[in-house]
C-alpha cells in the first residue's frame, strides 16, 4: 500500500484492510469504549443478553454483553470484533 494511501486510510480506520487485525496499540481507545459502555444503560429488554462474537485480533470466539455497536472480546478485551 502506498504511504499516502495508508495515511489516508488510517485517518478513519484502525484495522488492516487485508487481515482485519488492529493496526496499532488500541489500548487507550478500547479503555475509552469501556468507560463509555460502563456509563450507558441499555433498555431493560436487552439487559443480561449476550452475543457470540469473533475477535479479529486474537481469533477466538466468545460471548460478549449485548450492545448495538460495541462488543468486547472476552479473551483479549479488543473491540475489533464481529457478531457471528
PDB file of N, CA and C in Angstrom:
ATOM      1  N   UNK A   1       0.849  -1.161   0.000  1.00  0.00           N
ATOM      2  CA  UNK A   1       0.000   0.000   0.000  1.00  0.00           C
ATOM      3  C   UNK A   1       0.906   1.240   0.000  1.00  0.00           C
ATOM      4  N   UNK A   2       0.574   2.208  -0.801  1.00  0.00           N
ATOM      5  CA  UNK A   2       1.322   3.455  -0.846  1.00  0.00           C
ATOM      6  C   UNK A   2       1.234   4.168   0.494  1.00  0.00           C
ATOM      7  N   UNK A   3       2.302   4.854   0.864  1.00  0.00           N
ATOM      8  CA  UNK A   3       2.308   5.531   2.168  1.00  0.00           C
ATOM      9  C   UNK A   3       1.226   6.597   2.246  1.00  0.00           C
ATOM     10  N   UNK A   4       0.957   7.308   1.149  1.00  0.00           N
ATOM     11  CA  UNK A   4      -0.105   8.323   1.180  1.00  0.00           C
ATOM     12  C   UNK A   4      -1.482   7.666   1.284  1.00  0.00           C
ATOM     13  N   UNK A   5      -1.672   6.528   0.650  1.00  0.00           N
ATOM     14  CA  UNK A   5      -2.933   5.791   0.754  1.00  0.00           C
ATOM     15  C   UNK A   5      -3.118   5.258   2.175  1.00  0.00           C
ATOM     16  N   UNK A   6      -2.032   4.757   2.756  1.00  0.00           N
ATOM     17  CA  UNK A   6      -2.083   4.252   4.125  1.00  0.00           C
ATOM     18  C   UNK A   6      -2.425   5.376   5.099  1.00  0.00           C
ATOM     19  N   UNK A   7      -1.805   6.532   4.922  1.00  0.00           N
ATOM     20  CA  UNK A   7      -2.080   7.677   5.796  1.00  0.00           C
ATOM     21  C   UNK A   7      -3.545   8.096   5.690  1.00  0.00           C
ATOM     22  N   UNK A   8      -4.084   8.129   4.493  1.00  0.00           N
ATOM     23  CA  UNK A   8      -5.493   8.490   4.308  1.00  0.00           C
ATOM     24  C   UNK A   8      -6.407   7.421   4.914  1.00  0.00           C
ATOM     25  N   UNK A   9      -6.067   6.168   4.713  1.00  0.00           N
ATOM     26  CA  UNK A   9      -6.882   5.062   5.239  1.00  0.00           C
ATOM     27  C   UNK A   9      -6.923   5.081   6.765  1.00  0.00           C
ATOM     28  N   UNK A  10      -5.780   5.296   7.397  1.00  0.00           N
ATOM     29  CA  UNK A  10      -5.723   5.220   8.857  1.00  0.00           C
ATOM     30  C   UNK A  10      -6.305   6.457   9.544  1.00  0.00           C
ATOM     31  N   UNK A  11      -6.710   7.456   8.797  1.00  0.00           N
ATOM     32  CA  UNK A  11      -7.407   8.590   9.403  1.00  0.00           C
ATOM     33  C   UNK A  11      -8.789   8.166   9.890  1.00  0.00           C
ATOM     34  N   UNK A  12      -9.386   7.152   9.270  1.00  0.00           N
ATOM     35  CA  UNK A  12     -10.752   6.745   9.602  1.00  0.00           C
ATOM     36  C   UNK A  12     -10.884   5.274   9.962  1.00  0.00           C
ATOM     37  N   UNK A  13      -9.834   4.498   9.839  1.00  0.00           N
ATOM     38  CA  UNK A  13      -9.874   3.059  10.102  1.00  0.00           C
ATOM     39  C   UNK A  13      -8.696   2.657  10.980  1.00  0.00           C
ATOM     40  N   UNK A  14      -8.916   1.684  11.837  1.00  0.00           N
ATOM     41  CA  UNK A  14      -7.826   1.208  12.691  1.00  0.00           C
ATOM     42  C   UNK A  14      -7.505  -0.253  12.451  1.00  0.00           C
ATOM     43  N   UNK A  15      -8.064  -0.837  11.412  1.00  0.00           N
ATOM     44  CA  UNK A  15      -7.810  -2.245  11.123  1.00  0.00           C
ATOM     45  C   UNK A  15      -7.129  -2.400   9.769  1.00  0.00           C
ATOM     46  N   UNK A  16      -6.349  -3.450   9.659  1.00  0.00           N
ATOM     47  CA  UNK A  16      -5.677  -3.768   8.410  1.00  0.00           C
ATOM     48  C   UNK A  16      -6.722  -4.127   7.346  1.00  0.00           C
ATOM     49  N   UNK A  17      -6.616  -3.553   6.144  1.00  0.00           N
ATOM     50  CA  UNK A  17      -7.596  -3.880   5.107  1.00  0.00           C
ATOM     51  C   UNK A  17      -7.467  -5.306   4.570  1.00  0.00           C
ATOM     52  N   UNK A  18      -6.357  -5.992   4.874  1.00  0.00           N
ATOM     53  CA  UNK A  18      -6.164  -7.354   4.385  1.00  0.00           C
ATOM     54  C   UNK A  18      -6.558  -8.412   5.412  1.00  0.00           C
ATOM     55  N   UNK A  19      -6.055  -8.263   6.640  1.00  0.00           N
ATOM     56  CA  UNK A  19      -6.291  -9.315   7.642  1.00  0.00           C
ATOM     57  C   UNK A  19      -7.284  -8.912   8.734  1.00  0.00           C
ATOM     58  N   UNK A  20      -7.682  -7.661   8.795  1.00  0.00           N
ATOM     59  CA  UNK A  20      -8.668  -7.124   9.743  1.00  0.00           C
ATOM     60  C   UNK A  20      -8.158  -7.004  11.180  1.00  0.00           C
ATOM     61  N   UNK A  21      -6.873  -7.229  11.413  1.00  0.00           N
ATOM     62  CA  UNK A  21      -6.325  -7.038  12.769  1.00  0.00           C
ATOM     63  C   UNK A  21      -6.103  -5.546  13.016  1.00  0.00           C
ATOM     64  N   UNK A  22      -6.102  -5.156  14.295  1.00  0.00           N
ATOM     65  CA  UNK A  22      -5.826  -3.767  14.643  1.00  0.00           C
ATOM     66  C   UNK A  22      -4.430  -3.395  14.175  1.00  0.00           C
ATOM     67  N   UNK A  23      -4.285  -2.214  13.625  1.00  0.00           N
ATOM     68  CA  UNK A  23      -3.007  -1.789  13.063  1.00  0.00           C
ATOM     69  C   UNK A  23      -2.016  -1.389  14.144  1.00  0.00           C
ATOM     70  N   UNK A  24      -2.476  -0.744  15.192  1.00  0.00           N
ATOM     71  CA  UNK A  24      -1.572  -0.261  16.230  1.00  0.00           C
ATOM     72  C   UNK A  24      -2.063  -0.639  17.614  1.00  0.00           C
ATOM     73  N   UNK A  25      -1.468  -0.005  18.610  1.00  0.00           N
ATOM     74  CA  UNK A  25      -1.863  -0.229  20.000  1.00  0.00           C
ATOM     75  C   UNK A  25      -3.159   0.534  20.262  1.00  0.00           C
ATOM     76  N   UNK A  26      -4.225  -0.180  20.474  1.00  0.00           N
ATOM     77  CA  UNK A  26      -5.548   0.418  20.649  1.00  0.00           C
ATOM     78  C   UNK A  26      -5.971   0.472  22.115  1.00  0.00           C
ATOM     79  N   UNK A  27      -5.059   0.253  23.029  1.00  0.00           N
ATOM     80  CA  UNK A  27      -5.381   0.160  24.454  1.00  0.00           C
ATOM     81  C   UNK A  27      -6.148   1.376  24.953  1.00  0.00           C
ATOM     82  N   UNK A  28      -5.677   2.560  24.662  1.00  0.00           N
ATOM     83  CA  UNK A  28      -6.333   3.782  25.154  1.00  0.00           C
ATOM     84  C   UNK A  28      -7.730   3.913  24.555  1.00  0.00           C
ATOM     85  N   UNK A  29      -7.857   3.664  23.268  1.00  0.00           N
ATOM     86  CA  UNK A  29      -9.173   3.741  22.617  1.00  0.00           C
ATOM     87  C   UNK A  29     -10.137   2.717  23.196  1.00  0.00           C
ATOM     88  N   UNK A  30      -9.667   1.492  23.400  1.00  0.00           N
ATOM     89  CA  UNK A  30     -10.543   0.458  23.958  1.00  0.00           C
ATOM     90  C   UNK A  30     -10.921   0.782  25.404  1.00  0.00           C
ATOM     91  N   UNK A  31     -10.028   1.409  26.166  1.00  0.00           N
ATOM     92  CA  UNK A  31     -10.359   1.838  27.523  1.00  0.00           C
ATOM     93  C   UNK A  31     -11.421   2.936  27.497  1.00  0.00           C
ATOM     94  N   UNK A  32     -11.359   3.810  26.511  1.00  0.00           N
ATOM     95  CA  UNK A  32     -12.395   4.839  26.360  1.00  0.00           C
ATOM     96  C   UNK A  32     -13.743   4.197  26.070  1.00  0.00           C
ATOM     97  N   UNK A  33     -13.756   3.164  25.243  1.00  0.00           N
ATOM     98  CA  UNK A  33     -15.002   2.454  24.964  1.00  0.00           C
ATOM     99  C   UNK A  33     -15.521   1.745  26.217  1.00  0.00           C
ATOM    100  N   UNK A  34     -14.612   1.158  27.012  1.00  0.00           N
ATOM    101  CA  UNK A  34     -15.019   0.540  28.278  1.00  0.00           C
ATOM    102  C   UNK A  34     -15.725   1.558  29.169  1.00  0.00           C
ATOM    103  N   UNK A  35     -15.165   2.758  29.287  1.00  0.00           N
ATOM    104  CA  UNK A  35     -15.758   3.812  30.113  1.00  0.00           C
ATOM    105  C   UNK A  35     -17.112   4.250  29.569  1.00  0.00           C
ATOM    106  N   UNK A  36     -17.186   4.401  28.268  1.00  0.00           N
ATOM    107  CA  UNK A  36     -18.445   4.787  27.634  1.00  0.00           C
ATOM    108  C   UNK A  36     -19.534   3.763  27.922  1.00  0.00           C
ATOM    109  N   UNK A  37     -19.214   2.492  27.722  1.00  0.00           N
ATOM    110  CA  UNK A  37     -20.213   1.437  27.924  1.00  0.00           C
ATOM    111  C   UNK A  37     -20.598   1.282  29.390  1.00  0.00           C
ATOM    112  N   UNK A  38     -19.658   1.535  30.294  1.00  0.00           N
ATOM    113  CA  UNK A  38     -19.963   1.446  31.724  1.00  0.00           C
ATOM    114  C   UNK A  38     -20.972   2.509  32.144  1.00  0.00           C
ATOM    115  N   UNK A  39     -20.965   3.633  31.450  1.00  0.00           N
ATOM    116  CA  UNK A  39     -21.886   4.716  31.805  1.00  0.00           C
ATOM    117  C   UNK A  39     -23.225   4.624  31.073  1.00  0.00           C
ATOM    118  N   UNK A  40     -23.322   3.767  30.087  1.00  0.00           N
ATOM    119  CA  UNK A  40     -24.549   3.595  29.305  1.00  0.00           C
ATOM    120  C   UNK A  40     -25.479   2.590  29.950  1.00  0.00           C
ATOM    121  N   UNK A  41     -26.757   2.820  29.824  1.00  0.00           N
ATOM    122  CA  UNK A  41     -27.759   1.861  30.280  1.00  0.00           C
ATOM    123  C   UNK A  41     -28.622   1.458  29.092  1.00  0.00           C
ATOM    124  N   UNK A  42     -28.623   0.178  28.792  1.00  0.00           N
ATOM    125  CA  UNK A  42     -29.442  -0.335  27.705  1.00  0.00           C
ATOM    126  C   UNK A  42     -30.884  -0.473  28.169  1.00  0.00           C
ATOM    127  N   UNK A  43     -31.832  -0.491  27.248  1.00  0.00           N
ATOM    128  CA  UNK A  43     -33.222  -0.761  27.627  1.00  0.00           C
ATOM    129  C   UNK A  43     -33.331  -2.103  28.355  1.00  0.00           C
ATOM    130  N   UNK A  44     -34.281  -2.214  29.255  1.00  0.00           N
ATOM    131  CA  UNK A  44     -34.407  -3.405  30.109  1.00  0.00           C
ATOM    132  C   UNK A  44     -34.563  -4.694  29.310  1.00  0.00           C
ATOM    133  N   UNK A  45     -35.181  -4.633  28.144  1.00  0.00           N
ATOM    134  CA  UNK A  45     -35.367  -5.860  27.361  1.00  0.00           C
ATOM    135  C   UNK A  45     -34.050  -6.434  26.835  1.00  0.00           C
ATOM    136  N   UNK A  46     -32.975  -5.645  26.875  1.00  0.00           N
ATOM    137  CA  UNK A  46     -31.666  -6.119  26.433  1.00  0.00           C
ATOM    138  C   UNK A  46     -30.719  -6.430  27.582  1.00  0.00           C
ATOM    139  N   UNK A  47     -31.113  -6.121  28.791  1.00  0.00           N
ATOM    140  CA  UNK A  47     -30.255  -6.361  29.957  1.00  0.00           C
ATOM    141  C   UNK A  47     -29.980  -7.854  30.108  1.00  0.00           C
ATOM    142  N   UNK A  48     -28.750  -8.222  30.322  1.00  0.00           N
ATOM    143  CA  UNK A  48     -28.377  -9.616  30.527  1.00  0.00           C
ATOM    144  C   UNK A  48     -28.201 -10.433  29.262  1.00  0.00           C
ATOM    145  N   UNK A  49     -28.497  -9.867  28.111  1.00  0.00           N
ATOM    146  CA  UNK A  49     -28.313 -10.604  26.858  1.00  0.00           C
ATOM    147  C   UNK A  49     -26.842 -10.599  26.450  1.00  0.00           C
ATOM    148  N   UNK A  50     -26.454 -11.628  25.732  1.00  0.00           N
ATOM    149  CA  UNK A  50     -25.099 -11.718  25.203  1.00  0.00           C
ATOM    150  C   UNK A  50     -25.153 -12.029  23.716  1.00  0.00           C
ATOM    151  N   UNK A  51     -24.025 -11.812  23.059  1.00  0.00           N
ATOM    152  CA  UNK A  51     -23.905 -12.138  21.644  1.00  0.00           C
ATOM    153  C   UNK A  51     -22.593 -12.869  21.423  1.00  0.00           C
ATOM    154  N   UNK A  52     -22.626 -13.841  20.536  1.00  0.00           N
ATOM    155  CA  UNK A  52     -21.411 -14.563  20.166  1.00  0.00           C
ATOM    156  C   UNK A  52     -20.622 -13.684  19.197  1.00  0.00           C
ATOM    157  N   UNK A  53     -19.371 -13.429  19.539  1.00  0.00           N
ATOM    158  CA  UNK A  53     -18.515 -12.590  18.698  1.00  0.00           C
ATOM    159  C   UNK A  53     -17.237 -13.336  18.337  1.00  0.00           C
ATOM    160  N   UNK A  54     -16.672 -12.963  17.211  1.00  0.00           N
ATOM    161  CA  UNK A  54     -15.370 -13.457  16.776  1.00  0.00           C
ATOM    162  C   UNK A  54     -14.420 -12.281  16.806  1.00  0.00           C
ATOM    163  N   UNK A  55     -13.298 -12.439  17.481  1.00  0.00           N
ATOM    164  CA  UNK A  55     -12.318 -11.370  17.598  1.00  0.00           C
ATOM    165  C   UNK A  55     -11.378 -11.403  16.401  1.00  0.00           C
ATOM    166  N   UNK A  56     -11.243 -10.260  15.748  1.00  0.00           N
ATOM    167  CA  UNK A  56     -10.321 -10.164  14.617  1.00  0.00           C
ATOM    168  C   UNK A  56      -8.870 -10.070  15.066  1.00  0.00           C
ATOM    169  N   UNK A  57      -8.629  -9.723  16.341  1.00  0.00           N
ATOM    170  CA  UNK A  57      -7.254  -9.596  16.835  1.00  0.00           C
ATOM    171  C   UNK A  57      -6.689 -10.916  17.343  1.00  0.00           C
ATOM    172  N   UNK A  58      -7.417 -11.623  18.202  1.00  0.00           N
ATOM    173  CA  UNK A  58      -6.874 -12.876  18.762  1.00  0.00           C
ATOM    174  C   UNK A  58      -7.426 -14.123  18.058  1.00  0.00           C
ATOM    175  N   UNK A  59      -8.479 -13.959  17.264  1.00  0.00           N
ATOM    176  CA  UNK A  59      -9.028 -15.075  16.501  1.00  0.00           C
ATOM    177  C   UNK A  59      -9.939 -16.001  17.286  1.00  0.00           C
ATOM    178  N   UNK A  60     -10.240 -15.662  18.545  1.00  0.00           N
ATOM    179  CA  UNK A  60     -11.085 -16.527  19.375  1.00  0.00           C
ATOM    180  C   UNK A  60     -12.530 -16.047  19.357  1.00  0.00           C
ATOM    181  N   UNK A  61     -13.437 -16.980  19.599  1.00  0.00           N
ATOM    182  CA  UNK A  61     -14.858 -16.671  19.726  1.00  0.00           C
ATOM    183  C   UNK A  61     -15.249 -16.695  21.192  1.00  0.00           C
ATOM    184  N   UNK A  62     -16.284 -15.956  21.504  1.00  0.00           N
ATOM    185  CA  UNK A  62     -16.780 -15.946  22.869  1.00  0.00           C
ATOM    186  C   UNK A  62     -18.027 -15.084  22.961  1.00  0.00           C
ATOM    187  N   UNK A  63     -18.646 -15.096  24.128  1.00  0.00           N
ATOM    188  CA  UNK A  63     -19.864 -14.320  24.326  1.00  0.00           C
ATOM    189  C   UNK A  63     -19.530 -12.980  24.960  1.00  0.00           C
ATOM    190  N   UNK A  64     -20.089 -11.916  24.382  1.00  0.00           N
ATOM    191  CA  UNK A  64     -19.911 -10.556  24.880  1.00  0.00           C
ATOM    192  C   UNK A  64     -21.272 -10.007  25.271  1.00  0.00           C
ATOM    193  N   UNK A  65     -21.312  -9.103  26.242  1.00  0.00           N
ATOM    194  CA  UNK A  65     -22.589  -8.478  26.590  1.00  0.00           C
ATOM    195  C   UNK A  65     -23.196  -7.799  25.368  1.00  0.00           C
ATOM    196  N   UNK A  66     -24.513  -7.882  25.253  1.00  0.00           N
ATOM    197  CA  UNK A  66     -25.195  -7.287  24.112  1.00  0.00           C
ATOM    198  C   UNK A  66     -24.973  -5.783  24.082  1.00  0.00           C
ATOM    199  N   UNK A  67     -24.729  -5.254  22.891  1.00  0.00           N
ATOM    200  CA  UNK A  67     -24.717  -3.814  22.631  1.00  0.00           C
ATOM    201  C   UNK A  67     -25.060  -3.634  21.164  1.00  0.00           C
ATOM    202  N   UNK A  68     -25.582  -2.475  20.830  1.00  0.00           N
ATOM    203  CA  UNK A  68     -25.983  -2.216  19.449  1.00  0.00           C
ATOM    204  C   UNK A  68     -24.788  -2.017  18.525  1.00  0.00           C
ATOM    205  N   UNK A  69     -23.648  -1.582  19.080  1.00  0.00           N
ATOM    206  CA  UNK A  69     -22.485  -1.273  18.250  1.00  0.00           C
ATOM    207  C   UNK A  69     -21.218  -1.974  18.723  1.00  0.00           C
ATOM    208  N   UNK A  70     -20.920  -1.895  20.025  1.00  0.00           N
ATOM    209  CA  UNK A  70     -19.623  -2.326  20.545  1.00  0.00           C
ATOM    210  C   UNK A  70     -19.697  -3.676  21.253  1.00  0.00           C
ATOM    211  N   UNK A  71     -18.712  -4.541  20.949  1.00  0.00           N
ATOM    212  CA  UNK A  71     -18.629  -5.863  21.569  1.00  0.00           C
ATOM    213  C   UNK A  71     -17.178  -6.153  21.908  1.00  0.00           C
ATOM    214  N   UNK A  72     -16.887  -6.274  23.182  1.00  0.00           N
ATOM    215  CA  UNK A  72     -15.523  -6.528  23.631  1.00  0.00           C
ATOM    216  C   UNK A  72     -15.232  -8.028  23.646  1.00  0.00           C
ATOM    217  N   UNK A  73     -14.080  -8.403  23.128  1.00  0.00           N
ATOM    218  CA  UNK A  73     -13.665  -9.809  23.144  1.00  0.00           C
ATOM    219  C   UNK A  73     -13.473 -10.252  24.593  1.00  0.00           C
ATOM    220  N   UNK A  74     -14.066 -11.369  24.982  1.00  0.00           N
ATOM    221  CA  UNK A  74     -13.896 -11.835  26.362  1.00  0.00           C
ATOM    222  C   UNK A  74     -12.495 -12.380  26.645  1.00  0.00           C
ATOM    223  N   UNK A  75     -11.691 -12.573  25.624  1.00  0.00           N
ATOM    224  CA  UNK A  75     -10.352 -13.141  25.805  1.00  0.00           C
ATOM    225  C   UNK A  75      -9.268 -12.071  25.867  1.00  0.00           C
ATOM    226  N   UNK A  76      -9.265 -11.142  24.907  1.00  0.00           N
ATOM    227  CA  UNK A  76      -8.192 -10.139  24.854  1.00  0.00           C
ATOM    228  C   UNK A  76      -8.684  -8.713  25.087  1.00  0.00           C
ATOM    229  N   UNK A  77      -9.985  -8.516  25.256  1.00  0.00           N
ATOM    230  CA  UNK A  77     -10.624  -7.220  25.547  1.00  0.00           C
ATOM    231  C   UNK A  77     -10.629  -6.269  24.356  1.00  0.00           C
ATOM    232  N   UNK A  78     -10.279  -6.724  23.175  1.00  0.00           N
ATOM    233  CA  UNK A  78     -10.323  -5.895  21.972  1.00  0.00           C
ATOM    234  C   UNK A  78     -11.776  -5.657  21.560  1.00  0.00           C
ATOM    235  N   UNK A  79     -12.029  -4.505  20.974  1.00  0.00           N
ATOM    236  CA  UNK A  79     -13.350  -4.224  20.411  1.00  0.00           C
ATOM    237  C   UNK A  79     -13.345  -4.456  18.888  1.00  0.00           C
ATOM    238  N   UNK A  80     -12.269  -4.998  18.373  1.00  0.00           N
ATOM    239  CA  UNK A  80     -12.175  -5.321  16.963  1.00  0.00           C
ATOM    240  C   UNK A  80     -12.812  -6.702  16.743  1.00  0.00           C
ATOM    241  N   UNK A  81     -14.129  -6.727  16.879  1.00  0.00           N
ATOM    242  CA  UNK A  81     -14.874  -7.981  16.825  1.00  0.00           C
ATOM    243  C   UNK A  81     -16.005  -7.879  15.804  1.00  0.00           C
ATOM    244  N   UNK A  82     -16.568  -9.028  15.500  1.00  0.00           N
ATOM    245  CA  UNK A  82     -17.773  -9.064  14.659  1.00  0.00           C
ATOM    246  C   UNK A  82     -18.725 -10.084  15.264  1.00  0.00           C
ATOM    247  N   UNK A  83     -19.999  -9.791  15.150  1.00  0.00           N
ATOM    248  CA  UNK A  83     -21.032 -10.689  15.651  1.00  0.00           C
ATOM    249  C   UNK A  83     -21.137 -11.862  14.696  1.00  0.00           C
ATOM    250  N   UNK A  84     -21.180 -13.081  15.258  1.00  0.00           N
ATOM    251  CA  UNK A  84     -21.286 -14.279  14.395  1.00  0.00           C
ATOM    252  C   UNK A  84     -22.629 -14.937  14.572  1.00  0.00           C
TER     253      UNK A  84
END
